[in-house]
Amino acid sequence: MQVKPGYRTTELLVVVLVSVAGWLAEWAGTLAPKWAAIVMAISSGMYIFSRGLTKLGVALGNAKVVPVQTVAPVVPATPVAASPPPAQV
């Protein structure tokens, strides 16, 4: 899975829209500056968290955080002689 650059993600669009909406609401006087800052900070923090999870490769339902590298099986350096078949009585 390839990770998209941050500027091409929907999360960035949401963060920008929420930040602009918070700024406009504060500018219009419908939202206190304190709450506008809190909304923008939470939105930005969730974006950072989301990008961090994406870059770690955590997918929904996937318990592995870091992909496991495959290891080649161990092969003996010298061939092992097969034991002779059991004697027939």
Protein backbone atom coordinates (compact mmCIF):
# COMPACT_ATOMS: atom_id res chain seq x y z
CA MET A 1 0.00 0.00 0.00
CA GLN A 2 1.36 3.36 -0.95
CA VAL A 3 0.72 6.37 1.28
CA LYS A 4 -0.60 9.48 -0.48
CA PRO A 5 1.16 12.78 0.13
CA GLY A 6 -0.54 14.86 2.83
CA TYR A 7 -1.74 17.56 0.45
CA ARG A 8 -3.71 15.01 -1.59
CA THR A 9 -5.74 13.57 1.30
CA THR A 10 -9.32 14.17 2.37
CA GLU A 11 -8.15 14.66 5.95
CA LEU A 12 -6.22 17.77 4.97
CA LEU A 13 -9.27 19.18 3.21
CA VAL A 14 -11.37 18.60 6.34
CA VAL A 15 -8.74 20.28 8.56
CA VAL A 16 -8.59 23.30 6.27
CA LEU A 17 -12.39 23.60 6.11
CA VAL A 18 -12.79 23.24 9.90
CA SER A 19 -10.04 25.79 10.52
CA VAL A 20 -11.56 28.30 8.09
CA ALA A 21 -15.03 27.71 9.55
CA GLY A 22 -13.70 28.21 13.08
CA TRP A 23 -11.91 31.39 12.08
CA LEU A 24 -15.00 32.77 10.28
CA ALA A 25 -17.28 31.89 13.21
CA GLU A 26 -14.92 33.67 15.59
CA TRP A 27 -14.62 36.67 13.24
CA ALA A 28 -18.42 36.91 12.90
CA GLY A 29 -18.82 36.77 16.67
CA THR A 30 -20.83 33.53 16.80
CA LEU A 31 -18.03 31.62 18.49
CA ALA A 32 -15.78 32.75 21.31
CA PRO A 33 -12.10 32.99 20.35
CA LYS A 34 -11.23 30.39 22.99
CA TRP A 35 -13.58 27.81 21.47
CA ALA A 36 -12.48 28.60 17.91
CA ALA A 37 -8.88 27.93 18.94
CA ILE A 38 -9.90 24.68 20.65
CA VAL A 39 -11.81 23.49 17.57
CA MET A 40 -8.86 24.25 15.29
CA ALA A 41 -6.36 22.63 17.67
CA ILE A 42 -8.42 19.43 17.98
CA SER A 43 -8.89 19.26 14.22
CA SER A 44 -5.16 19.71 13.59
CA GLY A 45 -4.25 17.19 16.29
CA MET A 46 -6.56 14.56 14.84
CA TYR A 47 -5.04 15.14 11.39
CA ILE A 48 -1.54 14.61 12.79
CA PHE A 49 -2.70 11.45 14.58
CA SER A 50 -4.39 10.14 11.43
CA ARG A 51 -1.33 10.74 9.27
CA GLY A 52 0.87 9.07 11.86
CA LEU A 53 -1.28 5.95 11.85
CA THR A 54 -1.37 5.91 8.08
CA LYS A 55 2.39 6.14 7.84
CA LEU A 56 2.81 3.35 10.36
CA GLY A 57 0.71 1.15 8.13
CA VAL A 58 -2.02 0.39 10.62
CA ALA A 59 -5.16 -0.62 8.75
CA LEU A 60 -8.59 -1.20 10.21
CA GLY A 61 -8.70 -4.78 11.48
CA ASN A 62 -4.97 -5.30 11.05
CA ALA A 63 -3.29 -6.17 14.35
CA LYS A 64 0.23 -5.80 12.97
CA VAL A 65 1.80 -2.41 13.54
CA VAL A 66 5.07 -3.02 11.72
CA PRO A 67 5.20 -5.42 8.77
CA VAL A 68 7.15 -8.57 9.51
CA GLN A 69 10.04 -9.30 7.19
CA THR A 70 10.13 -12.75 5.65
CA VAL A 71 13.12 -14.86 6.55
CA ALA A 72 14.54 -17.55 4.29
CA PRO A 73 14.43 -21.07 5.74
CA VAL A 74 17.65 -22.43 7.20
CA VAL A 75 19.21 -25.00 4.89
CA PRO A 76 22.00 -27.25 6.16
CA ALA A 77 25.38 -26.56 4.54
CA THR A 78 26.16 -30.25 3.97
CA PRO A 79 23.63 -32.78 2.77
CA VAL A 80 22.52 -35.25 5.40
CA ALA A 81 22.78 -38.89 4.38
CA ALA A 82 19.55 -40.79 4.56
CA SER A 83 19.53 -43.66 7.00
CA PRO A 84 19.41 -47.12 5.41
CA PRO A 85 16.02 -48.82 5.30
CA PRO A 86 15.26 -51.19 8.17
CA ALA A 87 16.42 -54.78 7.72
CA GLN A 88 13.81 -57.30 6.61
CA VAL A 89 13.49 -60.37 8.82
